[in-house]
C-alpha atoms as a PDB file:
ATOM      1  CA  MET A   1      10.082   2.755  -4.491  1.00  0.00           C
ATOM      2  CA  SER A   2       8.085   0.261  -6.663  1.00  0.00           C
ATOM      3  CA  PHE A   3       7.811  -3.392  -6.809  1.00  0.00           C
ATOM      4  CA  THR A   4       9.781  -5.024  -9.175  1.00  0.00           C
ATOM      5  CA  PRO A   5       7.271  -8.093 -10.830  1.00  0.00           C
ATOM      6  CA  LEU A   6       8.156 -11.346 -11.879  1.00  0.00           C
ATOM      7  CA  HIS A   7       7.816 -11.755 -15.521  1.00  0.00           C
ATOM      8  CA  GLN A   8       3.693 -12.862 -16.228  1.00  0.00           C
ATOM      9  CA  HIS A   9       2.500 -16.110 -17.905  1.00  0.00           C
ATOM     10  CA  ASP A  10       2.314 -16.421 -21.236  1.00  0.00           C
ATOM     11  CA  ASP A  11      -1.812 -17.188 -21.032  1.00  0.00           C
ATOM     12  CA  ASP A  12      -2.174 -14.136 -19.298  1.00  0.00           C
ATOM     13  CA  SER A  13      -0.062 -11.780 -21.375  1.00  0.00           C
ATOM     14  CA  ASP A  14      -2.571 -12.093 -24.013  1.00  0.00           C
ATOM     15  CA  ARG A  15      -5.252 -10.600 -22.047  1.00  0.00           C
ATOM     16  CA  GLU A  16      -6.425  -6.829 -22.404  1.00  0.00           C
ATOM     17  CA  PRO A  17      -6.499  -4.881 -19.518  1.00  0.00           C
ATOM     18  CA  THR A  18     -10.103  -4.488 -17.884  1.00  0.00           C
ATOM     19  CA  ASP A  19     -12.266  -2.006 -16.174  1.00  0.00           C
ATOM     20  CA  ARG A  20     -10.984  -2.213 -12.175  1.00  0.00           C
ATOM     21  CA  GLU A  21     -14.893  -1.020 -11.530  1.00  0.00           C
ATOM     22  CA  ALA A  22     -16.457  -4.091 -13.139  1.00  0.00           C
ATOM     23  CA  PHE A  23     -15.638  -6.162 -10.184  1.00  0.00           C
ATOM     24  CA  THR A  24     -17.442  -3.360  -8.163  1.00  0.00           C
ATOM     25  CA  PRO A  25     -20.896  -4.566  -7.082  1.00  0.00           C
ATOM     26  CA  GLY A  26     -23.568  -3.020  -9.473  1.00  0.00           C
ATOM     27  CA  ILE A  27     -25.605  -2.317  -6.190  1.00  0.00           C
ATOM     28  CA  GLU A  28     -22.857  -1.359  -4.178  1.00  0.00           C
ATOM     29  CA  PRO A  29     -23.710  -2.111  -0.645  1.00  0.00           C
ATOM     30  CA  GLN A  30     -22.023   0.096   2.137  1.00  0.00           C
ATOM     31  CA  ALA A  31     -18.752  -0.849   3.664  1.00  0.00           C
ATOM     32  CA  THR A  32     -19.340  -1.871   7.250  1.00  0.00           C
ATOM     33  CA  TRP A  33     -15.271  -1.819   7.499  1.00  0.00           C
ATOM     34  CA  CYS A  34     -14.699   0.806  10.623  1.00  0.00           C
ATOM     35  CA  PRO A  35     -12.690   3.865   8.996  1.00  0.00           C
ATOM     36  CA  GLY A  36      -9.448   3.663   8.350  1.00  0.00           C
ATOM     37  CA  CYS A  37      -9.783  -0.220   8.165  1.00  0.00           C
ATOM     38  CA  GLY A  38      -6.882  -2.061   5.850  1.00  0.00           C
ATOM     39  CA  ASP A  39      -9.177  -4.100   4.612  1.00  0.00           C
ATOM     40  CA  PHE A  40     -10.092  -1.213   2.035  1.00  0.00           C
ATOM     41  CA  GLY A  41      -6.482  -1.474   0.812  1.00  0.00           C
ATOM     42  CA  VAL A  42      -6.673  -5.595   0.374  1.00  0.00           C
ATOM     43  CA  LEU A  43     -10.274  -4.543  -1.842  1.00  0.00           C
ATOM     44  CA  LYS A  44      -8.997  -1.951  -3.950  1.00  0.00           C
ATOM     45  CA  ALA A  45      -5.789  -3.567  -4.700  1.00  0.00           C
ATOM     46  CA  LEU A  46      -7.611  -7.440  -5.530  1.00  0.00           C
ATOM     47  CA  LYS A  47      -9.888  -4.912  -8.036  1.00  0.00           C
ATOM     48  CA  GLY A  48      -6.873  -3.441  -9.422  1.00  0.00           C
ATOM     49  CA  ALA A  49      -4.950  -6.972 -10.090  1.00  0.00           C
ATOM     50  CA  MET A  50      -7.661  -8.285 -11.366  1.00  0.00           C
ATOM     51  CA  GLY A  51      -8.612  -5.746 -13.630  1.00  0.00           C
ATOM     52  CA  ASP A  52      -4.353  -5.220 -14.464  1.00  0.00           C
ATOM     53  CA  LEU A  53      -4.629  -8.909 -15.544  1.00  0.00           C
ATOM     54  CA  GLY A  54      -7.598  -8.822 -17.298  1.00  0.00           C
ATOM     55  CA  TYR A  55     -10.242 -10.841 -15.852  1.00  0.00           C
ATOM     56  CA  THR A  56     -13.620 -10.674 -16.277  1.00  0.00           C
ATOM     57  CA  PRO A  57     -16.075 -10.946 -12.764  1.00  0.00           C
ATOM     58  CA  GLU A  58     -17.795 -14.247 -14.242  1.00  0.00           C
ATOM     59  CA  GLU A  59     -14.429 -16.158 -14.416  1.00  0.00           C
ATOM     60  CA  VAL A  60     -13.570 -15.227 -11.162  1.00  0.00           C
ATOM     61  CA  LEU A  61     -14.215 -17.649  -7.493  1.00  0.00           C
ATOM     62  CA  LEU A  62     -14.053 -15.870  -3.992  1.00  0.00           C
ATOM     63  CA  VAL A  63     -14.214 -17.535  -1.310  1.00  0.00           C
ATOM     64  CA  THR A  64     -13.921 -16.111   2.016  1.00  0.00           C
ATOM     65  CA  GLY A  65     -14.296 -17.595   6.184  1.00  0.00           C
ATOM     66  CA  ILE A  66     -15.506 -15.296   8.982  1.00  0.00           C
ATOM     67  CA  GLY A  67     -14.863 -12.295  10.207  1.00  0.00           C
ATOM     68  CA  CYS A  68     -14.304  -8.345   8.979  1.00  0.00           C
ATOM     69  CA  SER A  69     -12.480 -10.216   5.710  1.00  0.00           C
ATOM     70  CA  GLY A  70     -15.609 -11.907   5.284  1.00  0.00           C
ATOM     71  CA  LYS A  71     -17.601  -8.948   4.293  1.00  0.00           C
ATOM     72  CA  LEU A  72     -14.480  -9.010   1.276  1.00  0.00           C
ATOM     73  CA  SER A  73     -17.157 -11.128  -0.829  1.00  0.00           C
ATOM     74  CA  SER A  74     -20.030  -8.596  -0.380  1.00  0.00           C
ATOM     75  CA  TYR A  75     -17.792  -5.918  -1.996  1.00  0.00           C
ATOM     76  CA  PHE A  76     -16.178  -7.823  -5.148  1.00  0.00           C
ATOM     77  CA  GLU A  77     -18.414  -8.344  -8.210  1.00  0.00           C
ATOM     78  CA  SER A  78     -17.657 -12.486  -9.169  1.00  0.00           C
ATOM     79  CA  TYR A  79     -19.039 -15.760  -8.516  1.00  0.00           C
ATOM     80  CA  GLY A  80     -18.880 -15.740  -4.343  1.00  0.00           C
ATOM     81  CA  PHE A  81     -19.021 -18.083  -1.267  1.00  0.00           C
ATOM     82  CA  HIS A  82     -19.065 -17.211   2.225  1.00  0.00           C
ATOM     83  CA  SER A  83     -18.442 -20.304   3.892  1.00  0.00           C
ATOM     84  CA  ILE A  84     -17.982 -21.123   7.966  1.00  0.00           C
ATOM     85  CA  HIS A  85     -15.082 -19.939  10.270  1.00  0.00           C
ATOM     86  CA  GLY A  86     -11.982 -21.355   8.933  1.00  0.00           C
ATOM     87  CA  ARG A  87     -13.245 -23.080   6.382  1.00  0.00           C
ATOM     88  CA  SER A  88     -12.466 -20.900   3.290  1.00  0.00           C
ATOM     89  CA  LEU A  89      -9.938 -22.906   1.820  1.00  0.00           C
ATOM     90  CA  PRO A  90     -11.800 -27.106   1.601  1.00  0.00           C
ATOM     91  CA  VAL A  91     -14.812 -25.201  -0.078  1.00  0.00           C
ATOM     92  CA  ALA A  92     -12.011 -23.297  -2.361  1.00  0.00           C
ATOM     93  CA  ARG A  93      -9.932 -26.529  -3.176  1.00  0.00           C
ATOM     94  CA  ALA A  94     -13.524 -28.239  -3.732  1.00  0.00           C
ATOM     95  CA  ALA A  95     -14.850 -25.576  -6.300  1.00  0.00           C
ATOM     96  CA  LYS A  96     -11.106 -25.278  -8.185  1.00  0.00           C
ATOM     97  CA  LEU A  97     -11.341 -29.219  -8.534  1.00  0.00           C
ATOM     98  CA  ALA A  98     -14.798 -29.237 -10.064  1.00  0.00           C
ATOM     99  CA  ASN A  99     -14.087 -25.913 -12.491  1.00  0.00           C
ATOM    100  CA  PRO A 100     -10.789 -25.361 -12.869  1.00  0.00           C
ATOM    101  CA  GLY A 101     -11.812 -22.907 -15.312  1.00  0.00           C
ATOM    102  CA  LEU A 102     -12.329 -20.283 -12.528  1.00  0.00           C
ATOM    103  CA  GLU A 103      -9.601 -17.932 -11.361  1.00  0.00           C
ATOM    104  CA  VAL A 104     -10.120 -18.853  -7.411  1.00  0.00           C
ATOM    105  CA  VAL A 105      -9.336 -16.727  -4.559  1.00  0.00           C
ATOM    106  CA  ALA A 106      -9.626 -17.817  -0.750  1.00  0.00           C
ATOM    107  CA  ALA A 107      -9.416 -15.194   1.969  1.00  0.00           C
ATOM    108  CA  GLY A 108      -9.904 -15.025   5.415  1.00  0.00           C
ATOM    109  CA  GLY A 109      -8.456 -12.938   8.763  1.00  0.00           C
ATOM    110  CA  ASP A 110      -5.484 -14.699  11.086  1.00  0.00           C
ATOM    111  CA  GLY A 111      -7.853 -15.548  13.531  1.00  0.00           C
ATOM    112  CA  ASP A 112      -9.831 -17.171  10.609  1.00  0.00           C
ATOM    113  CA  GLY A 113      -6.908 -18.433   8.982  1.00  0.00           C
ATOM    114  CA  TYR A 114      -3.939 -19.571  10.868  1.00  0.00           C
ATOM    115  CA  GLY A 115      -6.271 -20.381  14.085  1.00  0.00           C
ATOM    116  CA  ILE A 116      -9.205 -22.083  13.058  1.00  0.00           C
ATOM    117  CA  GLY A 117      -8.400 -22.460   9.802  1.00  0.00           C
ATOM    118  CA  GLY A 118      -4.868 -23.702  10.373  1.00  0.00           C
ATOM    119  CA  ASN A 119      -5.180 -26.805   9.753  1.00  0.00           C
ATOM    120  CA  HIS A 120      -6.420 -26.565   6.408  1.00  0.00           C
ATOM    121  CA  PHE A 121      -3.809 -24.054   6.069  1.00  0.00           C
ATOM    122  CA  ILE A 122      -0.852 -26.288   6.560  1.00  0.00           C
ATOM    123  CA  HIS A 123      -2.260 -28.673   4.184  1.00  0.00           C
ATOM    124  CA  THR A 124      -3.298 -26.896   1.421  1.00  0.00           C
ATOM    125  CA  ALA A 125       0.119 -25.607   1.298  1.00  0.00           C
ATOM    126  CA  ARG A 126       1.432 -29.370   1.446  1.00  0.00           C
ATOM    127  CA  GLU A 127      -0.512 -30.355  -1.357  1.00  0.00           C
ATOM    128  CA  ASN A 128      -0.281 -27.223  -3.403  1.00  0.00           C
ATOM    129  CA  HIS A 129      -3.278 -26.561  -4.320  1.00  0.00           C
ATOM    130  CA  ASP A 130      -3.817 -23.762  -7.773  1.00  0.00           C
ATOM    131  CA  MET A 131      -4.687 -21.292  -5.747  1.00  0.00           C
ATOM    132  CA  THR A 132      -4.394 -17.249  -4.527  1.00  0.00           C
ATOM    133  CA  TYR A 133      -4.579 -17.402  -0.079  1.00  0.00           C
ATOM    134  CA  ILE A 134      -4.911 -13.746   0.856  1.00  0.00           C
ATOM    135  CA  VAL A 135      -5.133 -13.214   5.016  1.00  0.00           C
ATOM    136  CA  PHE A 136      -5.672 -10.352   6.538  1.00  0.00           C
ATOM    137  CA  ASN A 137      -3.655  -9.975   9.323  1.00  0.00           C
ATOM    138  CA  ASN A 138      -4.062  -7.448  11.679  1.00  0.00           C
ATOM    139  CA  GLU A 139      -3.008  -9.243  14.723  1.00  0.00           C
ATOM    140  CA  ILE A 140      -6.438  -9.670  16.413  1.00  0.00           C
ATOM    141  CA  PHE A 141      -9.796 -10.716  16.331  1.00  0.00           C
ATOM    142  CA  GLY A 142     -11.215  -7.765  15.011  1.00  0.00           C
ATOM    143  CA  LEU A 143     -15.076  -8.263  14.240  1.00  0.00           C
ATOM    144  CA  THR A 144     -15.582 -10.084  17.686  1.00  0.00           C
ATOM    145  CA  LYS A 145     -13.926  -6.781  19.055  1.00  0.00           C
ATOM    146  CA  GLY A 146     -10.496  -7.586  20.134  1.00  0.00           C
ATOM    147  CA  GLN A 147      -9.769 -10.483  21.180  1.00  0.00           C
ATOM    148  CA  THR A 148      -5.559 -12.181  21.261  1.00  0.00           C
ATOM    149  CA  SER A 149      -5.497 -14.255  17.868  1.00  0.00           C
ATOM    150  CA  PRO A 150      -2.463 -16.648  17.091  1.00  0.00           C
ATOM    151  CA  THR A 151      -0.382 -13.222  15.604  1.00  0.00           C
ATOM    152  CA  SER A 152      -0.772 -10.884  18.533  1.00  0.00           C
ATOM    153  CA  PRO A 153       2.779 -10.256  20.075  1.00  0.00           C
ATOM    154  CA  MET A 154       3.667 -11.507  23.313  1.00  0.00           C
ATOM    155  CA  GLY A 155       2.849  -9.637  25.773  1.00  0.00           C
ATOM    156  CA  HIS A 156      -0.135  -8.083  24.271  1.00  0.00           C
ATOM    157  CA  LYS A 157      -3.110  -6.880  26.455  1.00  0.00           C
ATOM    158  CA  SER A 158      -6.979  -7.835  25.667  1.00  0.00           C
ATOM    159  CA  LYS A 159     -10.436  -8.811  27.055  1.00  0.00           C
ATOM    160  CA  THR A 160      -8.935 -12.396  26.827  1.00  0.00           C
ATOM    161  CA  GLN A 161      -5.777 -11.690  27.851  1.00  0.00           C
ATOM    162  CA  PRO A 162      -6.215  -8.655  30.325  1.00  0.00           C
ATOM    163  CA  HIS A 163      -1.917  -9.123  31.799  1.00  0.00           C
ATOM    164  CA  GLY A 164      -0.591  -9.888  28.478  1.00  0.00           C
ATOM    165  CA  SER A 165      -0.515 -12.502  26.032  1.00  0.00           C
ATOM    166  CA  ALA A 166       2.513 -15.318  27.290  1.00  0.00           C
ATOM    167  CA  LYS A 167       2.408 -17.051  24.056  1.00  0.00           C
ATOM    168  CA  ALA A 168       4.589 -16.597  21.185  1.00  0.00           C
ATOM    169  CA  PRO A 169       2.681 -15.591  17.830  1.00  0.00           C
ATOM    170  CA  ILE A 170       2.499 -18.160  14.834  1.00  0.00           C
ATOM    171  CA  ARG A 171       5.140 -17.364  11.780  1.00  0.00           C
ATOM    172  CA  PRO A 172       2.797 -17.180   9.078  1.00  0.00           C
ATOM    173  CA  LEU A 173       5.428 -17.015   6.160  1.00  0.00           C
ATOM    174  CA  SER A 174       7.684 -19.781   7.497  1.00  0.00           C
ATOM    175  CA  LEU A 175       4.783 -21.916   8.418  1.00  0.00           C
ATOM    176  CA  SER A 176       3.605 -21.861   4.834  1.00  0.00           C
ATOM    177  CA  LEU A 177       6.817 -22.570   3.196  1.00  0.00           C
ATOM    178  CA  VAL A 178       7.261 -25.140   5.735  1.00  0.00           C
ATOM    179  CA  GLY A 179       3.872 -26.811   4.824  1.00  0.00           C
ATOM    180  CA  GLY A 180       5.173 -26.737   1.068  1.00  0.00           C
ATOM    181  CA  ALA A 181       3.736 -23.697  -0.573  1.00  0.00           C
ATOM    182  CA  SER A 182       5.005 -22.881  -3.859  1.00  0.00           C
ATOM    183  CA  TYR A 183       4.528 -18.695  -3.215  1.00  0.00           C
ATOM    184  CA  VAL A 184       4.577 -16.381  -0.432  1.00  0.00           C
ATOM    185  CA  ALA A 185       4.470 -13.305   0.173  1.00  0.00           C
ATOM    186  CA  ARG A 186       4.311 -10.310   2.417  1.00  0.00           C
ATOM    187  CA  THR A 187       2.710  -6.597   1.569  1.00  0.00           C
ATOM    188  CA  ALA A 188       0.701  -4.242   3.507  1.00  0.00           C
ATOM    189  CA  ALA A 189      -2.557  -2.079   3.220  1.00  0.00           C
ATOM    190  CA  VAL A 190      -0.144   1.129   3.526  1.00  0.00           C
ATOM    191  CA  ASN A 191       2.001   0.062   0.188  1.00  0.00           C
ATOM    192  CA  PRO A 192      -1.533  -0.396  -2.270  1.00  0.00           C
ATOM    193  CA  ASN A 193       1.125  -0.437  -4.884  1.00  0.00           C
ATOM    194  CA  GLN A 194       3.060  -3.061  -4.359  1.00  0.00           C
ATOM    195  CA  ALA A 195       0.312  -4.830  -2.635  1.00  0.00           C
ATOM    196  CA  GLN A 196      -1.537  -4.683  -6.294  1.00  0.00           C
ATOM    197  CA  GLU A 197       1.777  -5.952  -8.183  1.00  0.00           C
ATOM    198  CA  ILE A 198       1.839  -8.729  -5.375  1.00  0.00           C
ATOM    199  CA  LEU A 199      -1.289 -10.069  -5.984  1.00  0.00           C
ATOM    200  CA  LYS A 200      -1.023  -9.708  -9.799  1.00  0.00           C
ATOM    201  CA  GLU A 201       1.705 -12.605  -9.292  1.00  0.00           C
ATOM    202  CA  ALA A 202      -0.017 -14.524  -7.088  1.00  0.00           C
ATOM    203  CA  ILE A 203      -2.692 -14.940  -8.914  1.00  0.00           C
ATOM    204  CA  GLN A 204      -0.792 -15.507 -12.449  1.00  0.00           C
ATOM    205  CA  HIS A 205       1.015 -18.536 -10.072  1.00  0.00           C
ATOM    206  CA  ASP A 206       0.309 -22.296 -11.077  1.00  0.00           C
ATOM    207  CA  GLY A 207       0.069 -23.752  -7.338  1.00  0.00           C
ATOM    208  CA  PHE A 208      -0.864 -22.457  -3.809  1.00  0.00           C
ATOM    209  CA  ALA A 209       0.065 -18.676  -3.253  1.00  0.00           C
ATOM    210  CA  HIS A 210       0.145 -17.187   0.011  1.00  0.00           C
ATOM    211  CA  VAL A 211      -0.110 -13.653   0.493  1.00  0.00           C
ATOM    212  CA  ASP A 212       0.220 -12.558   4.570  1.00  0.00           C
ATOM    213  CA  PHE A 213      -1.499  -9.124   3.848  1.00  0.00           C
ATOM    214  CA  LEU A 214      -0.939  -6.959   6.713  1.00  0.00           C
ATOM    215  CA  THR A 215      -4.172  -4.700   7.289  1.00  0.00           C
ATOM    216  CA  GLN A 216      -4.018  -1.843  10.494  1.00  0.00           C
ATOM    217  CA  CYS A 217      -6.938  -2.213  12.153  1.00  0.00           C
ATOM    218  CA  PRO A 218      -7.285   1.211  14.129  1.00  0.00           C
ATOM    219  CA  THR A 219     -10.263  -0.008  16.354  1.00  0.00           C
ATOM    220  CA  TRP A 220      -8.915  -2.711  18.372  1.00  0.00           C
ATOM    221  CA  ASN A 221      -5.599  -2.640  17.843  1.00  0.00           C
ATOM    222  CA  LYS A 222      -5.500   1.028  18.391  1.00  0.00           C
ATOM    223  CA  ASP A 223      -2.266   1.972  16.038  1.00  0.00           C
ATOM    224  CA  ALA A 224      -3.597   2.383  12.682  1.00  0.00           C
ATOM    225  CA  LYS A 225       0.107   3.561  11.845  1.00  0.00           C
ATOM    226  CA  GLN A 226       1.291   0.126  13.084  1.00  0.00           C
ATOM    227  CA  TYR A 227       2.542  -0.663   9.874  1.00  0.00           C
ATOM    228  CA  VAL A 228       4.361   2.431   8.645  1.00  0.00           C
ATOM    229  CA  PRO A 229       7.123   2.883   7.789  1.00  0.00           C
ATOM    230  CA  TYR A 230       7.536   0.074   5.437  1.00  0.00           C
ATOM    231  CA  VAL A 231      10.177  -1.815   3.381  1.00  0.00           C
ATOM    232  CA  ASP A 232      10.592  -3.315   0.019  1.00  0.00           C
ATOM    233  CA  VAL A 233      13.083  -5.897   0.381  1.00  0.00           C
ATOM    234  CA  GLN A 234      12.925  -6.588  -3.263  1.00  0.00           C
ATOM    235  CA  GLN A 235      14.188  -2.617  -3.798  1.00  0.00           C
ATOM    236  CA  SER A 236      16.169  -2.527  -0.353  1.00  0.00           C
ATOM    237  CA  ASP A 237      20.319  -3.000  -0.806  1.00  0.00           C
ATOM    238  CA  ASP A 238      19.962  -3.981   2.890  1.00  0.00           C
ATOM    239  CA  TYR A 239      18.483  -7.585   1.992  1.00  0.00           C
ATOM    240  CA  GLU A 240      20.194  -9.971  -0.741  1.00  0.00           C
ATOM    241  CA  PHE A 241      18.578 -13.417  -1.396  1.00  0.00           C
ATOM    242  CA  ASP A 242      17.956 -15.453  -3.991  1.00  0.00           C
ATOM    243  CA  HIS A 243      13.704 -16.246  -3.373  1.00  0.00           C
ATOM    244  CA  HIS A 244      14.004 -19.625  -5.404  1.00  0.00           C
ATOM    245  CA  ASP A 245      16.438 -20.729  -2.838  1.00  0.00           C
ATOM    246  CA  ARG A 246      14.296 -22.396  -0.014  1.00  0.00           C
ATOM    247  CA  ARG A 247      17.181 -22.116   2.616  1.00  0.00           C
ATOM    248  CA  GLU A 248      17.804 -18.558   2.227  1.00  0.00           C
ATOM    249  CA  ALA A 249      14.425 -17.601   1.752  1.00  0.00           C
ATOM    250  CA  SER A 250      13.750 -19.400   5.094  1.00  0.00           C
ATOM    251  CA  GLU A 251      16.278 -17.423   6.700  1.00  0.00           C
ATOM    252  CA  MET A 252      15.077 -14.028   5.522  1.00  0.00           C
ATOM    253  CA  MET A 253      11.298 -15.342   6.516  1.00  0.00           C
ATOM    254  CA  HIS A 254      12.715 -16.331  10.104  1.00  0.00           C
ATOM    255  CA  ASP A 255      14.748 -12.491  10.237  1.00  0.00           C
ATOM    256  CA  VAL A 256      11.360 -10.785   8.520  1.00  0.00           C
ATOM    257  CA  GLU A 257       8.855 -12.376  11.169  1.00  0.00           C
ATOM    258  CA  ASP A 258      11.446 -11.605  14.158  1.00  0.00           C
ATOM    259  CA  ALA A 259      11.506  -8.099  12.872  1.00  0.00           C
ATOM    260  CA  LEU A 260       7.817  -7.139  12.838  1.00  0.00           C
ATOM    261  CA  HIS A 261       7.658  -8.080  16.474  1.00  0.00           C
ATOM    262  CA  GLU A 262      10.213  -5.302  16.963  1.00  0.00           C
ATOM    263  CA  GLY A 263       8.244  -2.940  14.654  1.00  0.00           C
ATOM    264  CA  GLU A 264       9.959  -3.229  12.086  1.00  0.00           C
ATOM    265  CA  VAL A 265       7.800  -3.958   8.529  1.00  0.00           C
ATOM    266  CA  LEU A 266       9.190  -5.930   5.937  1.00  0.00           C
ATOM    267  CA  THR A 267       7.068  -6.831   2.477  1.00  0.00           C
ATOM    268  CA  GLY A 268       8.006  -8.535  -0.355  1.00  0.00           C
ATOM    269  CA  ARG A 269       7.843 -11.563  -2.108  1.00  0.00           C
ATOM    270  CA  PHE A 270      10.102 -14.086  -0.100  1.00  0.00           C
ATOM    271  CA  TYR A 271       9.702 -17.525  -2.079  1.00  0.00           C
ATOM    272  CA  HIS A 272       8.659 -18.643  -5.739  1.00  0.00           C
ATOM    273  CA  ASP A 273       9.124 -22.135  -7.048  1.00  0.00           C
ATOM    274  CA  PRO A 274       7.640 -22.222 -10.617  1.00  0.00           C
ATOM    275  CA  ASP A 275       8.269 -25.479 -11.497  1.00  0.00           C
ATOM    276  CA  ARG A 276       6.491 -27.208  -8.508  1.00  0.00           C
ATOM    277  CA  PRO A 277       3.815 -29.066 -10.355  1.00  0.00           C
ATOM    278  CA  SER A 278       0.152 -28.242  -8.665  1.00  0.00           C
ATOM    279  CA  TYR A 279      -2.124 -30.435  -6.980  1.00  0.00           C
ATOM    280  CA  GLN A 280      -4.497 -30.284 -10.111  1.00  0.00           C
ATOM    281  CA  GLN A 281      -1.408 -30.853 -12.145  1.00  0.00           C
ATOM    282  CA  GLU A 282      -0.367 -33.900 -10.780  1.00  0.00           C
ATOM    283  CA  LYS A 283      -3.699 -35.457 -10.198  1.00  0.00           C
ATOM    284  CA  ARG A 284      -4.276 -34.757 -14.198  1.00  0.00           C
ATOM    285  CA  GLU A 285      -0.675 -36.147 -14.259  1.00  0.00           C
ATOM    286  CA  HIS A 286      -2.087 -39.905 -12.228  1.00  0.00           C
ATOM    287  CA  GLY A 287      -5.366 -39.982 -13.909  1.00  0.00           C
ATOM    288  CA  ASP A 288      -7.590 -39.088 -11.067  1.00  0.00           C
ATOM    289  CA  VAL A 289      -9.391 -35.906 -13.233  1.00  0.00           C
ATOM    290  CA  PRO A 290     -12.028 -36.628 -15.320  1.00  0.00           C
ATOM    291  CA  GLU A 291     -11.527 -34.755 -18.834  1.00  0.00           C
ATOM    292  CA  ASP A 292     -15.142 -33.153 -18.435  1.00  0.00           C
ATOM    293  CA  PRO A 293     -14.847 -31.346 -15.153  1.00  0.00           C
ATOM    294  CA  LEU A 294     -17.650 -31.945 -12.659  1.00  0.00           C
ATOM    295  CA  ALA A 295     -19.144 -28.532 -13.332  1.00  0.00           C
ATOM    296  CA  GLU A 296     -19.037 -29.065 -17.549  1.00  0.00           C
ATOM    297  CA  ARG A 297     -20.846 -32.514 -16.982  1.00  0.00           C
ATOM    298  CA  TYR A 298     -24.048 -31.136 -14.519  1.00  0.00           C
ATOM    299  CA  HIS A 299     -24.233 -28.231 -16.812  1.00  0.00           C
ATOM    300  CA  ASP A 300     -24.031 -29.361 -20.149  1.00  0.00           C
ATOM    301  CA  ASP A 301     -25.202 -32.630 -20.167  1.00  0.00           C
ATOM    302  CA  ASP A 302     -28.886 -33.538 -20.108  1.00  0.00           C
ATOM    303  CA  ALA A 303     -28.403 -36.980 -19.564  1.00  0.00           C
ATOM    304  CA  GLU A 304     -26.528 -36.471 -16.924  1.00  0.00           C
ATOM    305  CA  TRP A 305     -28.727 -34.236 -15.144  1.00  0.00           C
ATOM    306  CA  GLU A 306     -31.237 -37.146 -15.445  1.00  0.00           C
ATOM    307  CA  ARG A 307     -29.196 -40.016 -14.258  1.00  0.00           C
ATOM    308  CA  SER A 308     -28.607 -37.440 -11.258  1.00  0.00           C
ATOM    309  CA  TYR A 309     -32.602 -37.370 -10.820  1.00  0.00           C
ATOM    310  CA  ASP A 310     -33.005 -40.940 -11.511  1.00  0.00           C
ATOM    311  CA  LEU A 311     -30.468 -41.434  -8.769  1.00  0.00           C
ATOM    312  CA  MET A 312     -32.479 -39.537  -6.024  1.00  0.00           C
ATOM    313  CA  ASP A 313     -35.328 -41.434  -6.850  1.00  0.00           C
ATOM    314  CA  ALA A 314     -34.039 -44.035  -6.534  1.00  0.00           C
ATOM    315  CA  HIS A 315     -33.471 -43.317  -2.672  1.00  0.00           C
ATOM    316  CA  LYS A 316     -36.517 -41.442  -1.733  1.00  0.00           C
END
């Protein structure tokens, strides 16, 4: 079973693939993820996607939050920023505005992204910022040893909910669509080929691309096979819907999220709107973004540096 990718953008079609190992740090740190952790699958898929698309490490910025997912920027050779809990998206947004030439990827866990950073998630989707957002969804707070997270199913027992969670889990796909994201997909670490193709689509998409990445946690969620078997909805005859149609996508996402709680893992591309302009495009059309990006002005123009130093001197 293989994922059928969308047509690639012309801007990327001229690139030649690069060596995925270029994204492995020269002095590779010892990964501290647990054996069998799904986070290894995210790292592998991201390296493969960047290599296939022909990116080099100096063209990419990876911004992470706090949690097991936050370690991703340490194991991935590119510009990186390890931000505070739930704040990877505002950092990534600012970086993209200051330096639009960077390919920006933000990452966080389900607690980091859907809980602590939930507000940023909604508004980044609403404004359709041009970036890829990967959420490591293992239905648990992993780094802090197994507390209930926003995606933990009702009845899930943990140290913080010893009698079982009484709360219904968040619906990340539906929330993303309602928020305004122009690309929404779900994949799983146990499906590496599909994961790599979905990340390639998300990176190529001009706008906010949200990828809910199911990552098994064998240590704190116990069942290392919790996302097996999976079904690729693009390849199954049982699921027919138009992923460009918001209403059909919404109904499909609702079914997918219900199915996960019942043990059926449905993955694939659920929504894609290639025509909605990104926040950056709209700002340029309104004349709100200067012709020279902030990063280039302060990097290339010595006069600007002098003026900034003068300004700082004036306020001493």
